[in-house]
């Protein structure tokens, strides 16, 4: 009997150790699953409208963006990739900035306080290089690394309202205005893996963008702008993404709404990055100057 007691005690300790390790493994496995679920990001298209969004409290889009973290996206991204309509290049370019981003004032004749605003978010060089890698592997050719460019107002104006602390790393990717919407949709598809790494992909442009045809604030919405904006909403919410990718043939008043496509292509990138099973949600809608739609969309991944 005395010989069996040590064996029993040893077996008991082994069982206790086994169950302890088993509980630890289950806990770590559960935590890793939760972390991976939390890490994957939806993508967004934000209509940034006029640069005066940075200072004008009367613009309805301003409180929408200020409530971003409480009402739209509570999870904090690890980094942000902005595809802005204000950076148009012949081939894809990313800004690879190691220190703080410079604030680019790419607008003219606006109130002086706007030129004193700063948004010095840190650069995201690792994300930028991953963008380059993903695009080049997907057949987009050489992607230029721009190590001097900061953030244009298509990036910093909405971001200063969404993330005012400017403590999340940010990089930008250019659009190619001489290419088509399908090209930009496929660009987004190539960038989809970034979502799983906690990178927030934002397309920043406008649902309608014809600055030569703007009117006074408070005036009636121009029919051509309303027709295009309504078509876009219906197409996105009903999953007619092929129509959106072929908007020049499918949409009413397409050329009038977007004489140049640079402010529309960011939507296609964001849509493509969310995947073929993405679900679109209208998260904000307002108008200024009779023709400028601030319609903004969330693309929830369907994977």
C-alpha atoms as a PDB file:
ATOM      1  CA  UNK A   1       0.000   0.000   0.000  1.00  0.00           C
ATOM      2  CA  UNK A   2       2.829   2.399   0.857  1.00  0.00           C
ATOM      3  CA  UNK A   3       4.377   1.775  -2.566  1.00  0.00           C
ATOM      4  CA  UNK A   4       1.217   2.780  -4.404  1.00  0.00           C
ATOM      5  CA  UNK A   5       0.683   6.150  -2.669  1.00  0.00           C
ATOM      6  CA  UNK A   6       3.520   7.983  -4.497  1.00  0.00           C
ATOM      7  CA  UNK A   7       2.215   6.633  -7.786  1.00  0.00           C
ATOM      8  CA  UNK A   8      -1.291   7.878  -7.027  1.00  0.00           C
ATOM      9  CA  UNK A   9       0.019  11.288  -6.004  1.00  0.00           C
ATOM     10  CA  UNK A  10       2.169  11.461  -9.155  1.00  0.00           C
ATOM     11  CA  UNK A  11      -0.767  10.508 -11.343  1.00  0.00           C
ATOM     12  CA  UNK A  12      -2.932  13.125  -9.649  1.00  0.00           C
ATOM     13  CA  UNK A  13      -0.304  15.823 -10.250  1.00  0.00           C
ATOM     14  CA  UNK A  14      -0.028  14.784 -13.897  1.00  0.00           C
ATOM     15  CA  UNK A  15      -3.797  14.979 -14.308  1.00  0.00           C
ATOM     16  CA  UNK A  16      -3.892  18.402 -12.662  1.00  0.00           C
ATOM     17  CA  UNK A  17      -1.071  19.573 -14.963  1.00  0.00           C
ATOM     18  CA  UNK A  18      -2.875  18.165 -18.010  1.00  0.00           C
ATOM     19  CA  UNK A  19      -6.136  19.903 -17.195  1.00  0.00           C
ATOM     20  CA  UNK A  20      -4.296  23.128 -16.411  1.00  0.00           C
ATOM     21  CA  UNK A  21      -2.521  23.031 -19.768  1.00  0.00           C
ATOM     22  CA  UNK A  22      -5.764  22.109 -21.505  1.00  0.00           C
ATOM     23  CA  UNK A  23      -7.563  25.103 -19.980  1.00  0.00           C
ATOM     24  CA  UNK A  24      -4.652  27.366 -20.929  1.00  0.00           C
ATOM     25  CA  UNK A  25      -4.658  26.078 -24.499  1.00  0.00           C
ATOM     26  CA  UNK A  26      -8.420  26.538 -24.822  1.00  0.00           C
ATOM     27  CA  UNK A  27      -8.198  30.048 -23.407  1.00  0.00           C
ATOM     28  CA  UNK A  28      -5.375  31.042 -25.760  1.00  0.00           C
ATOM     29  CA  UNK A  29      -7.152  29.470 -28.726  1.00  0.00           C
ATOM     30  CA  UNK A  30     -10.351  31.352 -27.849  1.00  0.00           C
ATOM     31  CA  UNK A  31      -8.452  34.603 -27.413  1.00  0.00           C
ATOM     32  CA  UNK A  32      -6.709  34.179 -30.777  1.00  0.00           C
ATOM     33  CA  UNK A  33     -10.053  33.602 -32.478  1.00  0.00           C
ATOM     34  CA  UNK A  34     -11.571  36.661 -30.820  1.00  0.00           C
ATOM     35  CA  UNK A  35      -8.537  38.755 -31.750  1.00  0.00           C
ATOM     36  CA  UNK A  36      -8.678  37.655 -35.370  1.00  0.00           C
ATOM     37  CA  UNK A  37     -12.370  38.441 -35.538  1.00  0.00           C
ATOM     38  CA  UNK A  38     -11.804  41.870 -34.056  1.00  0.00           C
ATOM     39  CA  UNK A  39      -8.860  42.567 -36.306  1.00  0.00           C
ATOM     40  CA  UNK A  40     -10.655  42.193 -39.636  1.00  0.00           C
ATOM     41  CA  UNK A  41     -11.873  45.590 -40.804  1.00  0.00           C
ATOM     42  CA  UNK A  42     -14.790  46.673 -42.931  1.00  0.00           C
ATOM     43  CA  UNK A  43     -13.958  49.186 -45.650  1.00  0.00           C
ATOM     44  CA  UNK A  44     -15.446  52.641 -46.194  1.00  0.00           C
ATOM     45  CA  UNK A  45     -16.098  55.288 -48.790  1.00  0.00           C
ATOM     46  CA  UNK A  46     -16.268  58.802 -47.346  1.00  0.00           C
ATOM     47  CA  UNK A  47     -17.445  61.813 -49.334  1.00  0.00           C
ATOM     48  CA  UNK A  48     -15.190  64.584 -48.063  1.00  0.00           C
ATOM     49  CA  UNK A  49     -16.779  67.466 -49.993  1.00  0.00           C
ATOM     50  CA  UNK A  50     -15.304  70.921 -49.575  1.00  0.00           C
ATOM     51  CA  UNK A  51     -12.064  71.583 -47.669  1.00  0.00           C
ATOM     52  CA  UNK A  52     -14.127  73.882 -45.443  1.00  0.00           C
ATOM     53  CA  UNK A  53     -15.340  70.697 -43.772  1.00  0.00           C
ATOM     54  CA  UNK A  54     -12.270  71.238 -41.601  1.00  0.00           C
ATOM     55  CA  UNK A  55     -13.701  74.385 -39.963  1.00  0.00           C
ATOM     56  CA  UNK A  56     -17.371  74.821 -40.929  1.00  0.00           C
ATOM     57  CA  UNK A  57     -19.676  73.561 -38.182  1.00  0.00           C
ATOM     58  CA  UNK A  58     -22.749  74.093 -40.356  1.00  0.00           C
ATOM     59  CA  UNK A  59     -21.834  71.214 -42.697  1.00  0.00           C
ATOM     60  CA  UNK A  60     -23.892  68.129 -41.740  1.00  0.00           C
ATOM     61  CA  UNK A  61     -21.037  65.778 -42.621  1.00  0.00           C
ATOM     62  CA  UNK A  62     -18.884  67.302 -39.889  1.00  0.00           C
ATOM     63  CA  UNK A  63     -20.767  65.882 -36.852  1.00  0.00           C
ATOM     64  CA  UNK A  64     -21.085  62.585 -38.725  1.00  0.00           C
ATOM     65  CA  UNK A  65     -17.310  62.259 -38.952  1.00  0.00           C
ATOM     66  CA  UNK A  66     -16.819  63.536 -35.404  1.00  0.00           C
ATOM     67  CA  UNK A  67     -19.040  60.709 -34.143  1.00  0.00           C
ATOM     68  CA  UNK A  68     -17.102  58.108 -36.128  1.00  0.00           C
ATOM     69  CA  UNK A  69     -15.621  56.209 -33.185  1.00  0.00           C
ATOM     70  CA  UNK A  70     -18.826  56.186 -31.153  1.00  0.00           C
ATOM     71  CA  UNK A  71     -21.358  55.563 -33.916  1.00  0.00           C
ATOM     72  CA  UNK A  72     -19.578  53.940 -36.868  1.00  0.00           C
ATOM     73  CA  UNK A  73     -16.398  52.062 -35.986  1.00  0.00           C
ATOM     74  CA  UNK A  74     -15.600  51.422 -32.330  1.00  0.00           C
ATOM     75  CA  UNK A  75     -12.620  49.136 -33.009  1.00  0.00           C
ATOM     76  CA  UNK A  76      -9.343  51.023 -33.278  1.00  0.00           C
ATOM     77  CA  UNK A  77      -7.438  50.240 -36.479  1.00  0.00           C
ATOM     78  CA  UNK A  78      -3.747  49.433 -36.335  1.00  0.00           C
ATOM     79  CA  UNK A  79      -3.158  51.676 -39.339  1.00  0.00           C
ATOM     80  CA  UNK A  80      -5.137  53.538 -41.995  1.00  0.00           C
ATOM     81  CA  UNK A  81      -4.776  53.403 -45.774  1.00  0.00           C
ATOM     82  CA  UNK A  82      -6.469  56.302 -47.565  1.00  0.00           C
ATOM     83  CA  UNK A  83      -7.158  56.257 -51.295  1.00  0.00           C
ATOM     84  CA  UNK A  84      -7.786  59.913 -52.085  1.00  0.00           C
ATOM     85  CA  UNK A  85      -9.184  61.537 -55.192  1.00  0.00           C
ATOM     86  CA  UNK A  86      -6.590  64.278 -54.723  1.00  0.00           C
ATOM     87  CA  UNK A  87      -3.640  62.087 -55.647  1.00  0.00           C
ATOM     88  CA  UNK A  88      -3.848  61.067 -59.294  1.00  0.00           C
ATOM     89  CA  UNK A  89      -0.803  59.461 -60.943  1.00  0.00           C
ATOM     90  CA  UNK A  90      -0.150  57.573 -64.154  1.00  0.00           C
ATOM     91  CA  UNK A  91       0.767  54.421 -62.203  1.00  0.00           C
ATOM     92  CA  UNK A  92       0.161  53.410 -58.566  1.00  0.00           C
ATOM     93  CA  UNK A  93       2.145  55.296 -55.933  1.00  0.00           C
ATOM     94  CA  UNK A  94       2.260  54.980 -52.153  1.00  0.00           C
ATOM     95  CA  UNK A  95       3.716  57.438 -49.672  1.00  0.00           C
ATOM     96  CA  UNK A  96       6.333  55.701 -47.555  1.00  0.00           C
ATOM     97  CA  UNK A  97       6.892  58.047 -44.609  1.00  0.00           C
ATOM     98  CA  UNK A  98       8.851  56.969 -41.538  1.00  0.00           C
ATOM     99  CA  UNK A  99       8.206  60.036 -39.389  1.00  0.00           C
ATOM    100  CA  UNK A 100       5.136  62.243 -39.058  1.00  0.00           C
ATOM    101  CA  UNK A 101       3.185  63.025 -42.220  1.00  0.00           C
ATOM    102  CA  UNK A 102       3.306  66.549 -43.569  1.00  0.00           C
ATOM    103  CA  UNK A 103      -0.035  68.343 -43.999  1.00  0.00           C
ATOM    104  CA  UNK A 104      -0.591  69.266 -47.662  1.00  0.00           C
ATOM    105  CA  UNK A 105      -2.695  72.369 -48.333  1.00  0.00           C
ATOM    106  CA  UNK A 106      -3.795  71.456 -51.851  1.00  0.00           C
ATOM    107  CA  UNK A 107      -6.528  74.097 -52.066  1.00  0.00           C
ATOM    108  CA  UNK A 108      -6.496  77.799 -52.851  1.00  0.00           C
ATOM    109  CA  UNK A 109      -8.345  80.946 -51.801  1.00  0.00           C
ATOM    110  CA  UNK A 110      -9.843  79.584 -48.591  1.00  0.00           C
ATOM    111  CA  UNK A 111      -9.901  81.211 -45.122  1.00  0.00           C
ATOM    112  CA  UNK A 112      -6.468  81.643 -43.539  1.00  0.00           C
ATOM    113  CA  UNK A 113      -7.209  79.460 -40.454  1.00  0.00           C
ATOM    114  CA  UNK A 114      -7.470  76.423 -42.744  1.00  0.00           C
ATOM    115  CA  UNK A 115      -3.790  76.817 -43.688  1.00  0.00           C
ATOM    116  CA  UNK A 116      -2.817  76.743 -40.038  1.00  0.00           C
ATOM    117  CA  UNK A 117      -4.365  73.351 -39.338  1.00  0.00           C
ATOM    118  CA  UNK A 118      -1.994  70.429 -38.862  1.00  0.00           C
ATOM    119  CA  UNK A 119      -2.577  66.707 -38.957  1.00  0.00           C
ATOM    120  CA  UNK A 120       0.769  65.118 -38.225  1.00  0.00           C
ATOM    121  CA  UNK A 121      -0.224  61.476 -37.958  1.00  0.00           C
ATOM    122  CA  UNK A 122       2.729  59.097 -38.115  1.00  0.00           C
ATOM    123  CA  UNK A 123       3.460  57.465 -41.422  1.00  0.00           C
ATOM    124  CA  UNK A 124       2.811  53.751 -41.964  1.00  0.00           C
ATOM    125  CA  UNK A 125       5.853  52.630 -43.972  1.00  0.00           C
ATOM    126  CA  UNK A 126       5.334  48.918 -43.312  1.00  0.00           C
ATOM    127  CA  UNK A 127       1.751  49.104 -44.538  1.00  0.00           C
ATOM    128  CA  UNK A 128       2.814  51.163 -47.548  1.00  0.00           C
ATOM    129  CA  UNK A 129       5.383  48.548 -48.515  1.00  0.00           C
ATOM    130  CA  UNK A 130       2.779  45.807 -48.079  1.00  0.00           C
ATOM    131  CA  UNK A 131       0.475  47.787 -50.416  1.00  0.00           C
ATOM    132  CA  UNK A 132       3.287  47.899 -52.966  1.00  0.00           C
ATOM    133  CA  UNK A 133       3.917  44.163 -52.585  1.00  0.00           C
ATOM    134  CA  UNK A 134       0.248  43.198 -52.942  1.00  0.00           C
ATOM    135  CA  UNK A 135      -0.313  45.350 -56.017  1.00  0.00           C
ATOM    136  CA  UNK A 136       2.842  44.236 -57.778  1.00  0.00           C
ATOM    137  CA  UNK A 137       2.028  40.574 -57.123  1.00  0.00           C
ATOM    138  CA  UNK A 138      -1.445  41.161 -58.575  1.00  0.00           C
ATOM    139  CA  UNK A 139      -0.127  42.479 -61.882  1.00  0.00           C
ATOM    140  CA  UNK A 140      -0.373  46.235 -61.368  1.00  0.00           C
ATOM    141  CA  UNK A 141       3.203  46.793 -62.451  1.00  0.00           C
ATOM    142  CA  UNK A 142       5.792  48.831 -60.631  1.00  0.00           C
ATOM    143  CA  UNK A 143       4.446  50.762 -57.643  1.00  0.00           C
ATOM    144  CA  UNK A 144       6.380  53.915 -56.864  1.00  0.00           C
ATOM    145  CA  UNK A 145       7.449  54.678 -53.296  1.00  0.00           C
ATOM    146  CA  UNK A 146       7.065  58.400 -52.590  1.00  0.00           C
ATOM    147  CA  UNK A 147       9.076  59.211 -49.474  1.00  0.00           C
ATOM    148  CA  UNK A 148       8.361  62.948 -49.470  1.00  0.00           C
ATOM    149  CA  UNK A 149       4.606  63.268 -49.930  1.00  0.00           C
ATOM    150  CA  UNK A 150       2.449  63.850 -46.870  1.00  0.00           C
ATOM    151  CA  UNK A 151      -1.342  63.754 -46.566  1.00  0.00           C
ATOM    152  CA  UNK A 152      -3.540  65.711 -48.978  1.00  0.00           C
ATOM    153  CA  UNK A 153      -6.802  67.242 -47.779  1.00  0.00           C
ATOM    154  CA  UNK A 154      -8.784  64.253 -49.046  1.00  0.00           C
ATOM    155  CA  UNK A 155      -7.049  62.352 -46.256  1.00  0.00           C
ATOM    156  CA  UNK A 156      -6.336  64.764 -43.425  1.00  0.00           C
ATOM    157  CA  UNK A 157      -9.605  66.728 -43.434  1.00  0.00           C
ATOM    158  CA  UNK A 158     -11.850  63.723 -42.706  1.00  0.00           C
ATOM    159  CA  UNK A 159      -9.231  62.059 -40.499  1.00  0.00           C
ATOM    160  CA  UNK A 160      -8.832  65.100 -38.248  1.00  0.00           C
ATOM    161  CA  UNK A 161     -12.529  64.753 -37.428  1.00  0.00           C
ATOM    162  CA  UNK A 162     -12.557  60.953 -37.197  1.00  0.00           C
ATOM    163  CA  UNK A 163      -9.290  60.480 -35.288  1.00  0.00           C
ATOM    164  CA  UNK A 164      -8.351  63.951 -33.944  1.00  0.00           C
ATOM    165  CA  UNK A 165      -5.487  62.675 -31.787  1.00  0.00           C
ATOM    166  CA  UNK A 166      -3.561  61.880 -34.998  1.00  0.00           C
ATOM    167  CA  UNK A 167      -1.933  58.905 -33.295  1.00  0.00           C
ATOM    168  CA  UNK A 168      -2.813  56.156 -35.800  1.00  0.00           C
ATOM    169  CA  UNK A 169      -0.264  55.539 -38.596  1.00  0.00           C
ATOM    170  CA  UNK A 170      -1.527  56.635 -42.024  1.00  0.00           C
ATOM    171  CA  UNK A 171      -0.373  56.085 -45.587  1.00  0.00           C
ATOM    172  CA  UNK A 172      -1.924  56.976 -48.950  1.00  0.00           C
ATOM    173  CA  UNK A 173      -2.364  55.261 -52.297  1.00  0.00           C
ATOM    174  CA  UNK A 174      -2.949  57.185 -55.520  1.00  0.00           C
ATOM    175  CA  UNK A 175      -5.677  56.660 -58.119  1.00  0.00           C
ATOM    176  CA  UNK A 176      -5.111  56.441 -61.863  1.00  0.00           C
ATOM    177  CA  UNK A 177      -7.571  58.782 -63.531  1.00  0.00           C
ATOM    178  CA  UNK A 178      -6.811  57.448 -67.003  1.00  0.00           C
ATOM    179  CA  UNK A 179      -7.801  53.905 -66.065  1.00  0.00           C
ATOM    180  CA  UNK A 180     -11.344  52.632 -65.505  1.00  0.00           C
ATOM    181  CA  UNK A 181     -13.483  51.669 -62.537  1.00  0.00           C
ATOM    182  CA  UNK A 182     -12.889  47.918 -62.951  1.00  0.00           C
ATOM    183  CA  UNK A 183      -9.152  48.529 -62.663  1.00  0.00           C
ATOM    184  CA  UNK A 184      -9.705  50.261 -59.329  1.00  0.00           C
ATOM    185  CA  UNK A 185     -12.118  47.598 -58.109  1.00  0.00           C
ATOM    186  CA  UNK A 186      -9.453  44.973 -58.838  1.00  0.00           C
ATOM    187  CA  UNK A 187      -6.917  47.160 -57.065  1.00  0.00           C
ATOM    188  CA  UNK A 188      -9.139  46.957 -54.003  1.00  0.00           C
ATOM    189  CA  UNK A 189      -9.389  43.179 -54.326  1.00  0.00           C
ATOM    190  CA  UNK A 190      -5.612  42.971 -54.292  1.00  0.00           C
ATOM    191  CA  UNK A 191      -5.498  44.991 -51.072  1.00  0.00           C
ATOM    192  CA  UNK A 192      -8.103  42.892 -49.230  1.00  0.00           C
ATOM    193  CA  UNK A 193      -5.518  41.007 -47.092  1.00  0.00           C
ATOM    194  CA  UNK A 194      -4.747  44.265 -45.303  1.00  0.00           C
ATOM    195  CA  UNK A 195      -8.145  44.089 -43.600  1.00  0.00           C
ATOM    196  CA  UNK A 196      -7.084  40.948 -41.772  1.00  0.00           C
ATOM    197  CA  UNK A 197      -4.094  42.840 -40.390  1.00  0.00           C
ATOM    198  CA  UNK A 198      -6.266  45.516 -38.812  1.00  0.00           C
ATOM    199  CA  UNK A 199      -5.716  48.119 -41.534  1.00  0.00           C
ATOM    200  CA  UNK A 200      -8.656  50.437 -42.130  1.00  0.00           C
ATOM    201  CA  UNK A 201      -9.092  51.077 -45.864  1.00  0.00           C
ATOM    202  CA  UNK A 202     -10.868  54.342 -46.644  1.00  0.00           C
ATOM    203  CA  UNK A 203     -11.742  55.616 -50.095  1.00  0.00           C
ATOM    204  CA  UNK A 204     -12.048  59.407 -49.883  1.00  0.00           C
ATOM    205  CA  UNK A 205     -13.787  61.201 -52.738  1.00  0.00           C
ATOM    206  CA  UNK A 206     -17.335  62.283 -53.523  1.00  0.00           C
ATOM    207  CA  UNK A 207     -20.540  60.587 -54.573  1.00  0.00           C
ATOM    208  CA  UNK A 208     -21.027  63.486 -57.018  1.00  0.00           C
ATOM    209  CA  UNK A 209     -18.252  65.852 -58.020  1.00  0.00           C
ATOM    210  CA  UNK A 210     -18.768  68.557 -60.625  1.00  0.00           C
ATOM    211  CA  UNK A 211     -17.306  71.750 -59.220  1.00  0.00           C
ATOM    212  CA  UNK A 212     -18.181  73.702 -62.352  1.00  0.00           C
ATOM    213  CA  UNK A 213     -21.885  73.261 -61.680  1.00  0.00           C
ATOM    214  CA  UNK A 214     -22.235  74.007 -57.982  1.00  0.00           C
ATOM    215  CA  UNK A 215     -24.979  76.302 -56.712  1.00  0.00           C
ATOM    216  CA  UNK A 216     -25.745  78.248 -53.535  1.00  0.00           C
ATOM    217  CA  UNK A 217     -26.221  76.526 -50.203  1.00  0.00           C
ATOM    218  CA  UNK A 218     -29.866  75.864 -49.464  1.00  0.00           C
ATOM    219  CA  UNK A 219     -30.882  75.756 -53.110  1.00  0.00           C
ATOM    220  CA  UNK A 220     -32.724  72.829 -54.722  1.00  0.00           C
ATOM    221  CA  UNK A 221     -30.737  69.708 -55.560  1.00  0.00           C
ATOM    222  CA  UNK A 222     -29.958  69.565 -59.274  1.00  0.00           C
ATOM    223  CA  UNK A 223     -31.865  66.776 -60.979  1.00  0.00           C
ATOM    224  CA  UNK A 224     -28.781  65.285 -62.621  1.00  0.00           C
ATOM    225  CA  UNK A 225     -26.998  65.060 -59.257  1.00  0.00           C
ATOM    226  CA  UNK A 226     -30.022  63.572 -57.515  1.00  0.00           C
ATOM    227  CA  UNK A 227     -30.559  61.016 -60.286  1.00  0.00           C
ATOM    228  CA  UNK A 228     -26.958  59.821 -60.160  1.00  0.00           C
ATOM    229  CA  UNK A 229     -26.812  59.785 -56.356  1.00  0.00           C
ATOM    230  CA  UNK A 230     -30.058  57.793 -56.144  1.00  0.00           C
ATOM    231  CA  UNK A 231     -28.858  55.332 -58.772  1.00  0.00           C
ATOM    232  CA  UNK A 232     -25.602  54.839 -56.874  1.00  0.00           C
ATOM    233  CA  UNK A 233     -27.397  54.209 -53.584  1.00  0.00           C
ATOM    234  CA  UNK A 234     -29.848  51.741 -55.130  1.00  0.00           C
ATOM    235  CA  UNK A 235     -27.079  49.923 -57.005  1.00  0.00           C
ATOM    236  CA  UNK A 236     -24.860  49.553 -53.940  1.00  0.00           C
ATOM    237  CA  UNK A 237     -27.570  48.594 -51.475  1.00  0.00           C
ATOM    238  CA  UNK A 238     -28.932  45.983 -53.885  1.00  0.00           C
ATOM    239  CA  UNK A 239     -25.532  44.499 -54.651  1.00  0.00           C
ATOM    240  CA  UNK A 240     -25.392  45.550 -58.305  1.00  0.00           C
ATOM    241  CA  UNK A 241     -21.639  45.967 -58.180  1.00  0.00           C
ATOM    242  CA  UNK A 242     -21.132  45.162 -61.863  1.00  0.00           C
ATOM    243  CA  UNK A 243     -23.313  48.169 -62.658  1.00  0.00           C
ATOM    244  CA  UNK A 244     -21.236  50.341 -60.321  1.00  0.00           C
ATOM    245  CA  UNK A 245     -18.062  49.116 -62.012  1.00  0.00           C
ATOM    246  CA  UNK A 246     -19.583  50.044 -65.378  1.00  0.00           C
ATOM    247  CA  UNK A 247     -21.206  53.261 -64.188  1.00  0.00           C
ATOM    248  CA  UNK A 248     -20.339  55.240 -67.313  1.00  0.00           C
ATOM    249  CA  UNK A 249     -22.727  53.060 -69.314  1.00  0.00           C
ATOM    250  CA  UNK A 250     -25.210  52.142 -66.576  1.00  0.00           C
ATOM    251  CA  UNK A 251     -25.718  55.312 -64.528  1.00  0.00           C
ATOM    252  CA  UNK A 252     -27.855  58.317 -65.421  1.00  0.00           C
ATOM    253  CA  UNK A 253     -25.920  61.561 -65.793  1.00  0.00           C
ATOM    254  CA  UNK A 254     -22.596  59.811 -65.149  1.00  0.00           C
ATOM    255  CA  UNK A 255     -20.449  62.263 -67.075  1.00  0.00           C
ATOM    256  CA  UNK A 256     -22.218  65.265 -65.570  1.00  0.00           C
ATOM    257  CA  UNK A 257     -21.798  63.899 -62.046  1.00  0.00           C
ATOM    258  CA  UNK A 258     -18.153  62.976 -62.577  1.00  0.00           C
ATOM    259  CA  UNK A 259     -16.574  64.893 -65.471  1.00  0.00           C
ATOM    260  CA  UNK A 260     -13.309  63.440 -64.161  1.00  0.00           C
ATOM    261  CA  UNK A 261     -13.370  60.110 -62.321  1.00  0.00           C
ATOM    262  CA  UNK A 262     -10.704  60.792 -59.696  1.00  0.00           C
ATOM    263  CA  UNK A 263     -13.216  61.409 -56.882  1.00  0.00           C
ATOM    264  CA  UNK A 264     -15.291  58.329 -57.741  1.00  0.00           C
ATOM    265  CA  UNK A 265     -12.572  55.706 -58.111  1.00  0.00           C
ATOM    266  CA  UNK A 266     -11.811  55.633 -54.348  1.00  0.00           C
ATOM    267  CA  UNK A 267     -15.278  54.094 -53.924  1.00  0.00           C
ATOM    268  CA  UNK A 268     -14.360  51.266 -56.291  1.00  0.00           C
ATOM    269  CA  UNK A 269     -11.161  50.543 -54.376  1.00  0.00           C
ATOM    270  CA  UNK A 270     -13.025  50.386 -51.059  1.00  0.00           C
ATOM    271  CA  UNK A 271     -15.731  48.206 -52.587  1.00  0.00           C
ATOM    272  CA  UNK A 272     -13.233  45.793 -54.123  1.00  0.00           C
ATOM    273  CA  UNK A 273     -11.264  45.513 -50.890  1.00  0.00           C
ATOM    274  CA  UNK A 274     -14.385  44.304 -49.060  1.00  0.00           C
ATOM    275  CA  UNK A 275     -14.756  41.251 -51.322  1.00  0.00           C
ATOM    276  CA  UNK A 276     -17.342  39.976 -53.779  1.00  0.00           C
ATOM    277  CA  UNK A 277     -19.838  39.141 -51.020  1.00  0.00           C
ATOM    278  CA  UNK A 278     -19.664  42.583 -49.439  1.00  0.00           C
ATOM    279  CA  UNK A 279     -22.810  44.276 -48.189  1.00  0.00           C
ATOM    280  CA  UNK A 280     -23.138  48.030 -48.616  1.00  0.00           C
ATOM    281  CA  UNK A 281     -24.658  50.329 -46.031  1.00  0.00           C
ATOM    282  CA  UNK A 282     -25.382  54.036 -46.415  1.00  0.00           C
ATOM    283  CA  UNK A 283     -23.945  55.590 -43.248  1.00  0.00           C
ATOM    284  CA  UNK A 284     -24.359  59.280 -44.054  1.00  0.00           C
ATOM    285  CA  UNK A 285     -26.201  61.404 -46.582  1.00  0.00           C
ATOM    286  CA  UNK A 286     -26.311  65.175 -46.965  1.00  0.00           C
ATOM    287  CA  UNK A 287     -25.992  67.827 -49.654  1.00  0.00           C
ATOM    288  CA  UNK A 288     -24.338  71.199 -50.113  1.00  0.00           C
ATOM    289  CA  UNK A 289     -24.231  73.661 -52.993  1.00  0.00           C
ATOM    290  CA  UNK A 290     -27.111  71.985 -54.860  1.00  0.00           C
ATOM    291  CA  UNK A 291     -24.853  69.341 -56.416  1.00  0.00           C
ATOM    292  CA  UNK A 292     -22.353  67.972 -53.884  1.00  0.00           C
ATOM    293  CA  UNK A 293     -23.493  64.727 -52.308  1.00  0.00           C
ATOM    294  CA  UNK A 294     -21.784  63.662 -49.101  1.00  0.00           C
ATOM    295  CA  UNK A 295     -23.164  60.123 -49.362  1.00  0.00           C
ATOM    296  CA  UNK A 296     -20.818  57.784 -47.487  1.00  0.00           C
ATOM    297  CA  UNK A 297     -20.864  54.004 -47.383  1.00  0.00           C
ATOM    298  CA  UNK A 298     -19.690  51.117 -45.274  1.00  0.00           C
ATOM    299  CA  UNK A 299     -18.799  47.838 -46.980  1.00  0.00           C
ATOM    300  CA  UNK A 300     -19.174  44.918 -44.603  1.00  0.00           C
ATOM    301  CA  UNK A 301     -17.269  41.863 -45.665  1.00  0.00           C
ATOM    302  CA  UNK A 302     -19.400  38.825 -46.366  1.00  0.00           C
ATOM    303  CA  UNK A 303     -16.673  36.258 -45.770  1.00  0.00           C
END
